Amino acid sequence: MSVKYGSNELINTILSGSNDKSVLFNGHTNYVSCVEYSPFVVNNIEIGGNSNVICSGSFDNTLRFWDIRSNKKELYVINGKSPITCIKFIPLKKNEKNNENTKKDCGYNLCYGSFDRSINIWGETLPSSRWWFF
């Protein structure tokens, strides 16, 4: 289960994933195991430099991206091969001498763990990759 807090100049938000099915975003067919604020700007949805997109992982084998302003609009779905247990966005910095990267200069990858003991990588700079740990 997962809880996250986030805010921008317009709204404060608490996200939670749980087994009690009290989810405001309908679309998953099994319980939500993890939630994260997404640094990805999906369909140009961004206010004041802050993304208004969250990502949720579920035991229905999917990761779903949502617009938190609408409470309903599903933006994107990643289909996994096993229940999703955890998610984390990893920034990828450009290799520059001045090392003065801004948020806009960095790409991101989404790493997620699955019930089948795999760690998967999905992102702006990679095709889907998969590493297995036993």
C-alpha atoms as a PDB file:
ATOM      1  CA  MET A   1       0.000   0.000   0.000  1.00  0.00           C
ATOM      2  CA  SER A   2       1.199   3.516  -0.703  1.00  0.00           C
ATOM      3  CA  VAL A   3       0.605   7.141   0.340  1.00  0.00           C
ATOM      4  CA  LYS A   4       2.044  10.270  -1.332  1.00  0.00           C
ATOM      5  CA  TYR A   5       1.606  14.019  -0.770  1.00  0.00           C
ATOM      6  CA  GLY A   6       2.048  16.680  -3.412  1.00  0.00           C
ATOM      7  CA  SER A   7       1.154  20.284  -4.060  1.00  0.00           C
ATOM      8  CA  ASN A   8       1.443  23.097  -6.535  1.00  0.00           C
ATOM      9  CA  GLU A   9       0.184  26.671  -6.444  1.00  0.00           C
ATOM     10  CA  LEU A  10      -3.393  25.541  -7.086  1.00  0.00           C
ATOM     11  CA  ILE A  11      -4.000  22.396  -5.055  1.00  0.00           C
ATOM     12  CA  ASN A  12      -2.715  20.134  -2.277  1.00  0.00           C
ATOM     13  CA  THR A  13      -3.262  16.433  -2.873  1.00  0.00           C
ATOM     14  CA  ILE A  14      -2.889  13.240  -0.867  1.00  0.00           C
ATOM     15  CA  LEU A  15      -2.779  10.034  -2.903  1.00  0.00           C
ATOM     16  CA  SER A  16      -3.278   6.582  -1.458  1.00  0.00           C
ATOM     17  CA  GLY A  17      -3.378   3.086  -2.838  1.00  0.00           C
ATOM     18  CA  SER A  18      -5.101   0.401  -0.828  1.00  0.00           C
ATOM     19  CA  ASN A  19      -7.022  -2.847  -0.799  1.00  0.00           C
ATOM     20  CA  ASP A  20     -10.296  -1.259   0.399  1.00  0.00           C
ATOM     21  CA  LYS A  21     -11.297  -0.213  -3.139  1.00  0.00           C
ATOM     22  CA  SER A  22     -11.878   3.426  -2.104  1.00  0.00           C
ATOM     23  CA  VAL A  23     -10.289   4.672  -5.321  1.00  0.00           C
ATOM     24  CA  LEU A  24     -11.509   7.874  -6.949  1.00  0.00           C
ATOM     25  CA  PHE A  25      -9.888   6.959 -10.259  1.00  0.00           C
ATOM     26  CA  ASN A  26     -11.859   4.100 -11.761  1.00  0.00           C
ATOM     27  CA  GLY A  27     -10.170   1.803 -14.259  1.00  0.00           C
ATOM     28  CA  HIS A  28      -8.148  -0.770 -12.350  1.00  0.00           C
ATOM     29  CA  THR A  29      -9.850  -4.143 -11.981  1.00  0.00           C
ATOM     30  CA  ASN A  30      -7.874  -5.198  -8.885  1.00  0.00           C
ATOM     31  CA  TYR A  31      -6.518  -3.298  -5.903  1.00  0.00           C
ATOM     32  CA  VAL A  32      -4.041  -0.433  -6.255  1.00  0.00           C
ATOM     33  CA  SER A  33      -0.703  -1.295  -4.642  1.00  0.00           C
ATOM     34  CA  CYS A  34       1.300   1.896  -5.323  1.00  0.00           C
ATOM     35  CA  VAL A  35       0.941   5.517  -6.435  1.00  0.00           C
ATOM     36  CA  GLU A  36       3.457   8.190  -7.475  1.00  0.00           C
ATOM     37  CA  TYR A  37       3.350  11.703  -8.844  1.00  0.00           C
ATOM     38  CA  SER A  38       4.554  11.548 -12.426  1.00  0.00           C
ATOM     39  CA  PRO A  39       7.257  13.925 -13.673  1.00  0.00           C
ATOM     40  CA  PHE A  40       6.101  13.110 -17.210  1.00  0.00           C
ATOM     41  CA  VAL A  41       3.990  15.772 -18.849  1.00  0.00           C
ATOM     42  CA  VAL A  42       1.359  13.742 -20.663  1.00  0.00           C
ATOM     43  CA  ASN A  43      -0.566  15.534 -23.414  1.00  0.00           C
ATOM     44  CA  ASN A  44       0.964  18.873 -22.280  1.00  0.00           C
ATOM     45  CA  ILE A  45      -0.810  18.703 -18.903  1.00  0.00           C
ATOM     46  CA  GLU A  46       1.347  20.908 -16.697  1.00  0.00           C
ATOM     47  CA  ILE A  47       0.606  23.945 -14.530  1.00  0.00           C
ATOM     48  CA  GLY A  48       3.341  26.193 -13.167  1.00  0.00           C
ATOM     49  CA  GLY A  49       6.066  23.668 -13.938  1.00  0.00           C
ATOM     50  CA  ASN A  50       4.386  20.940 -11.877  1.00  0.00           C
ATOM     51  CA  SER A  51       2.861  17.886 -13.450  1.00  0.00           C
ATOM     52  CA  ASN A  52      -0.775  17.206 -12.653  1.00  0.00           C
ATOM     53  CA  VAL A  53      -0.383  13.560 -13.534  1.00  0.00           C
ATOM     54  CA  ILE A  54      -0.176  10.588 -11.182  1.00  0.00           C
ATOM     55  CA  CYS A  55       0.752   6.996 -11.899  1.00  0.00           C
ATOM     56  CA  SER A  56      -0.892   4.056 -10.134  1.00  0.00           C
ATOM     57  CA  GLY A  57       0.198   0.416 -10.151  1.00  0.00           C
ATOM     58  CA  SER A  58      -2.212  -2.419  -9.520  1.00  0.00           C
ATOM     59  CA  PHE A  59      -2.570  -6.145  -9.069  1.00  0.00           C
ATOM     60  CA  ASP A  60      -4.495  -6.089 -12.376  1.00  0.00           C
ATOM     61  CA  ASN A  61      -1.012  -5.984 -14.040  1.00  0.00           C
ATOM     62  CA  THR A  62      -1.359  -2.367 -15.212  1.00  0.00           C
ATOM     63  CA  LEU A  63       0.203   1.030 -14.596  1.00  0.00           C
ATOM     64  CA  ARG A  64      -2.196   3.880 -15.294  1.00  0.00           C
ATOM     65  CA  PHE A  65      -1.545   7.602 -15.685  1.00  0.00           C
ATOM     66  CA  TRP A  66      -4.277   9.976 -14.484  1.00  0.00           C
ATOM     67  CA  ASP A  67      -5.038  13.703 -14.679  1.00  0.00           C
ATOM     68  CA  ILE A  68      -5.582  14.684 -11.016  1.00  0.00           C
ATOM     69  CA  ARG A  69      -7.571  17.764 -12.011  1.00  0.00           C
ATOM     70  CA  SER A  70     -10.430  15.737 -13.476  1.00  0.00           C
ATOM     71  CA  ASN A  71     -10.444  12.756 -11.062  1.00  0.00           C
ATOM     72  CA  LYS A  72     -11.630  10.675 -13.992  1.00  0.00           C
ATOM     73  CA  LYS A  73      -9.535  11.078 -17.102  1.00  0.00           C
ATOM     74  CA  GLU A  74      -7.183   8.153 -17.722  1.00  0.00           C
ATOM     75  CA  LEU A  75      -4.307   9.366 -19.892  1.00  0.00           C
ATOM     76  CA  TYR A  76      -2.202   6.279 -20.584  1.00  0.00           C
ATOM     77  CA  VAL A  77      -1.952   2.586 -19.667  1.00  0.00           C
ATOM     78  CA  ILE A  78       1.118   0.332 -19.512  1.00  0.00           C
ATOM     79  CA  ASN A  79       0.246  -3.362 -19.497  1.00  0.00           C
ATOM     80  CA  GLY A  80       2.588  -5.498 -17.413  1.00  0.00           C
ATOM     81  CA  LYS A  81       2.904  -9.272 -17.269  1.00  0.00           C
ATOM     82  CA  SER A  82       2.457  -9.606 -13.506  1.00  0.00           C
ATOM     83  CA  PRO A  83       0.855  -7.632 -10.643  1.00  0.00           C
ATOM     84  CA  ILE A  84       2.628  -4.294 -10.054  1.00  0.00           C
ATOM     85  CA  THR A  85       4.083  -3.997  -6.536  1.00  0.00           C
ATOM     86  CA  CYS A  86       6.075  -0.721  -6.586  1.00  0.00           C
ATOM     87  CA  ILE A  87       6.888   2.224  -8.850  1.00  0.00           C
ATOM     88  CA  LYS A  88       9.609   4.887  -8.870  1.00  0.00           C
ATOM     89  CA  PHE A  89      10.476   7.643 -11.343  1.00  0.00           C
ATOM     90  CA  ILE A  90      14.233   8.000 -11.916  1.00  0.00           C
ATOM     91  CA  PRO A  91      15.630  11.269 -13.389  1.00  0.00           C
ATOM     92  CA  LEU A  92      18.238  10.951 -16.135  1.00  0.00           C
ATOM     93  CA  LYS A  93      20.558  13.951 -16.244  1.00  0.00           C
ATOM     94  CA  LYS A  94      22.335  15.146 -19.340  1.00  0.00           C
ATOM     95  CA  ASN A  95      26.086  14.713 -19.259  1.00  0.00           C
ATOM     96  CA  GLU A  96      27.237  18.329 -19.452  1.00  0.00           C
ATOM     97  CA  LYS A  97      30.306  20.042 -18.025  1.00  0.00           C
ATOM     98  CA  ASN A  98      28.447  22.928 -16.380  1.00  0.00           C
ATOM     99  CA  ASN A  99      26.188  20.457 -14.503  1.00  0.00           C
ATOM    100  CA  GLU A 100      23.441  23.083 -14.294  1.00  0.00           C
ATOM    101  CA  ASN A 101      20.584  20.904 -15.436  1.00  0.00           C
ATOM    102  CA  THR A 102      17.046  22.085 -14.876  1.00  0.00           C
ATOM    103  CA  LYS A 103      13.974  19.888 -14.585  1.00  0.00           C
ATOM    104  CA  LYS A 104      13.300  20.476 -18.286  1.00  0.00           C
ATOM    105  CA  ASP A 105      16.842  19.265 -19.177  1.00  0.00           C
ATOM    106  CA  CYS A 106      16.332  15.841 -17.593  1.00  0.00           C
ATOM    107  CA  GLY A 107      14.559  12.826 -18.954  1.00  0.00           C
ATOM    108  CA  TYR A 108      12.859  10.232 -16.768  1.00  0.00           C
ATOM    109  CA  ASN A 109      12.447   6.506 -16.682  1.00  0.00           C
ATOM    110  CA  LEU A 110       9.770   4.680 -14.758  1.00  0.00           C
ATOM    111  CA  CYS A 111      11.041   1.647 -12.852  1.00  0.00           C
ATOM    112  CA  TYR A 112       8.451  -0.746 -11.524  1.00  0.00           C
ATOM    113  CA  GLY A 113       8.613  -3.998  -9.643  1.00  0.00           C
ATOM    114  CA  SER A 114       6.283  -6.894 -10.296  1.00  0.00           C
ATOM    115  CA  PHE A 115       5.018  -9.836  -8.284  1.00  0.00           C
ATOM    116  CA  ASP A 116       7.020 -12.184 -10.572  1.00  0.00           C
ATOM    117  CA  ARG A 117      10.240 -10.720  -9.036  1.00  0.00           C
ATOM    118  CA  SER A 118      11.115  -8.657 -12.116  1.00  0.00           C
ATOM    119  CA  ILE A 119      12.203  -5.029 -12.300  1.00  0.00           C
ATOM    120  CA  ASN A 120      10.984  -3.301 -15.444  1.00  0.00           C
ATOM    121  CA  ILE A 121      12.104  -0.014 -16.974  1.00  0.00           C
ATOM    122  CA  TRP A 122       9.883   2.149 -19.159  1.00  0.00           C
ATOM    123  CA  GLY A 123      10.589   5.711 -20.176  1.00  0.00           C
ATOM    124  CA  GLU A 124      11.267   8.573 -22.508  1.00  0.00           C
ATOM    125  CA  THR A 125      14.711   7.375 -23.562  1.00  0.00           C
ATOM    126  CA  LEU A 126      14.386   3.591 -23.620  1.00  0.00           C
ATOM    127  CA  PRO A 127      12.235   0.994 -25.202  1.00  0.00           C
ATOM    128  CA  SER A 128      10.775  -1.283 -22.555  1.00  0.00           C
ATOM    129  CA  SER A 129      13.521  -3.229 -20.792  1.00  0.00           C
ATOM    130  CA  ARG A 130      13.317  -6.072 -18.340  1.00  0.00           C
ATOM    131  CA  TRP A 131      15.727  -7.394 -15.712  1.00  0.00           C
ATOM    132  CA  TRP A 132      15.052 -10.545 -13.731  1.00  0.00           C
ATOM    133  CA  PHE A 133      16.248 -11.103 -10.165  1.00  0.00           C
ATOM    134  CA  PHE A 134      16.039 -14.519  -8.520  1.00  0.00           C
END
